[in-house]
Each structure stands twice: as C-alpha cells, then as structure tokens.
C-alpha cells in the first residue's frame, strides 16, 4: 500500500513539473504559431523575461525556455515578429536565469 502511494506521488510530481516546462519550437510562419513573440531590447519593455536553458529539465519555471528540435515535443510553437504591435507577448532575453519570469501578469493568459 505504501509503495503505491509513493509511486503515485512521484508520478504526480513529475506530471506537475513537466506541465510547467517551457519547451518551445520556432516556426517559420506566424500562422503555424501558438504565440507571436517580439524580442525587446530592454527588460522594462518586456512582458516576460526569458533565459535560454540547455536541457528541457531545466525549463521548470516561467521564463526558462528550452528550444526543442521537434514541434511535437514543444509546449508552445513560437514565431518571432518584427513589430511589438504584432506580438502576443514581448520578451527580453536575460543573461541570468534568476531574472526569468513574468513582468506583466496580464499577459500570462496569452501563453497558457
């Protein structure tokens, strides 16, 4: 009985962690994208501060992005637009993972 509870708890935790991972795939057309993204030059212009990680297991917090090679493995397909007015969200690429996260809470719905 205790073993089943332990296994269930472990599976629940793994499901919870992977549901919040931010694995992304860059598409070549805005029509194929789930989210249109504009890359800002300043953190203060951004809705989301992003830090790119090297493993999907490190993409466990909002703003930590792992680029996957397959659109089927991605949680979101993104397209980078040339104008912030065409974007669903505006991101800034940070040099530290500790800066990653939402700056504009109102835009979270565009991502989820």
Protein backbone atom coordinates (compact mmCIF):
# COMPACT_ATOMS: atom_id res chain seq x y z
CA UNK A 1 0.00 0.00 0.00
CA UNK A 2 2.76 2.46 0.93
CA UNK A 3 4.62 1.66 -2.29
CA UNK A 4 1.56 2.56 -4.39
CA UNK A 5 1.22 5.89 -2.61
CA UNK A 6 4.92 6.63 -3.15
CA UNK A 7 4.70 5.78 -6.86
CA UNK A 8 1.51 7.82 -7.26
CA UNK A 9 3.11 10.82 -5.52
CA UNK A 10 6.21 10.56 -7.71
CA UNK A 11 4.15 10.39 -10.90
CA UNK A 12 2.04 13.33 -9.77
CA UNK A 13 5.15 15.41 -9.11
CA UNK A 14 6.66 14.55 -12.49
CA UNK A 15 3.43 15.43 -14.26
CA UNK A 16 3.25 18.72 -12.40
CA UNK A 17 6.84 19.65 -13.28
CA UNK A 18 6.54 18.79 -16.97
CA UNK A 19 3.23 20.64 -17.33
CA UNK A 20 5.01 23.88 -16.48
CA UNK A 21 8.07 23.29 -18.61
CA UNK A 22 8.57 25.86 -21.28
CA UNK A 23 9.82 23.85 -24.21
CA UNK A 24 9.42 25.91 -27.35
CA UNK A 25 9.79 25.36 -31.07
CA UNK A 26 10.44 28.20 -33.51
CA UNK A 27 8.18 28.02 -36.56
CA UNK A 28 8.70 29.78 -39.90
CA UNK A 29 5.20 31.19 -40.25
CA UNK A 30 3.06 33.22 -37.89
CA UNK A 31 0.09 31.11 -38.96
CA UNK A 32 1.74 27.98 -37.52
CA UNK A 33 2.50 29.66 -34.18
CA UNK A 34 0.68 29.32 -30.91
CA UNK A 35 2.25 32.57 -29.74
CA UNK A 36 3.72 35.50 -31.67
CA UNK A 37 6.76 36.92 -29.87
CA UNK A 38 8.68 40.18 -30.15
CA UNK A 39 12.21 40.39 -28.72
CA UNK A 40 12.68 43.71 -26.90
CA UNK A 41 15.97 45.49 -26.27
CA UNK A 42 15.07 46.33 -22.69
CA UNK A 43 13.84 44.25 -19.78
CA UNK A 44 11.46 47.07 -18.87
CA UNK A 45 9.59 46.75 -22.18
CA UNK A 46 9.05 43.00 -21.73
CA UNK A 47 6.02 41.06 -20.62
CA UNK A 48 8.25 38.04 -19.99
CA UNK A 49 11.96 37.89 -19.23
CA UNK A 50 13.43 34.76 -20.82
CA UNK A 51 16.59 32.80 -20.17
CA UNK A 52 17.52 30.02 -22.60
CA UNK A 53 18.48 26.73 -20.93
CA UNK A 54 20.35 23.74 -22.35
CA UNK A 55 18.04 20.99 -21.08
CA UNK A 56 14.27 20.55 -21.07
CA UNK A 57 14.58 19.51 -17.42
CA UNK A 58 15.95 22.97 -16.58
CA UNK A 59 12.91 24.65 -18.15
CA UNK A 60 10.93 24.26 -14.95
CA UNK A 61 9.98 27.87 -14.28
CA UNK A 62 8.21 30.59 -16.27
CA UNK A 63 10.73 32.31 -18.49
CA UNK A 64 13.16 29.40 -18.71
CA UNK A 65 12.98 28.28 -22.34
CA UNK A 66 14.37 25.16 -23.92
CA UNK A 67 14.30 25.07 -27.72
CA UNK A 68 13.34 21.65 -28.99
CA UNK A 69 14.06 20.31 -32.48
CA UNK A 70 10.56 18.90 -32.91
CA UNK A 71 7.31 20.82 -32.83
CA UNK A 72 5.66 17.71 -31.37
CA UNK A 73 7.88 17.89 -28.27
CA UNK A 74 7.18 21.57 -27.70
CA UNK A 75 4.64 23.01 -25.29
CA UNK A 76 4.42 26.12 -27.48
CA UNK A 77 5.23 26.91 -31.10
CA UNK A 78 6.51 30.46 -31.37
CA UNK A 79 7.12 32.89 -34.20
CA UNK A 80 9.28 35.98 -33.81
CA UNK A 81 7.64 39.08 -35.31
CA UNK A 82 9.34 42.30 -36.37
CA UNK A 83 7.00 44.66 -34.57
CA UNK A 84 5.86 44.66 -30.96
CA UNK A 85 2.40 45.64 -32.19
CA UNK A 86 2.07 42.27 -33.98
CA UNK A 87 3.13 40.29 -30.90
CA UNK A 88 1.07 38.38 -28.37
CA UNK A 89 3.90 38.80 -25.86
CA UNK A 90 7.08 40.84 -25.68
CA UNK A 91 10.15 39.08 -24.32
CA UNK A 92 13.60 40.15 -23.22
CA UNK A 93 16.45 37.65 -23.25
CA UNK A 94 18.31 37.84 -19.94
CA UNK A 95 21.87 36.78 -19.20
CA UNK A 96 20.87 35.21 -15.87
CA UNK A 97 18.23 32.57 -15.17
CA UNK A 98 17.37 34.35 -11.93
CA UNK A 99 15.89 37.25 -13.91
CA UNK A 100 13.47 34.95 -15.78
CA UNK A 101 9.76 35.37 -15.15
CA UNK A 102 6.67 37.37 -15.92
CA UNK A 103 6.78 41.14 -15.62
CA UNK A 104 3.26 41.68 -16.97
CA UNK A 105 0.88 39.24 -15.26
CA UNK A 106 -1.95 40.24 -17.59
CA UNK A 107 -0.18 38.51 -20.50
CA UNK A 108 0.09 35.08 -18.84
CA UNK A 109 -3.17 34.05 -20.48
CA UNK A 110 -1.60 34.52 -23.91
CA UNK A 111 0.98 31.87 -23.03
CA UNK A 112 -1.05 29.25 -21.15
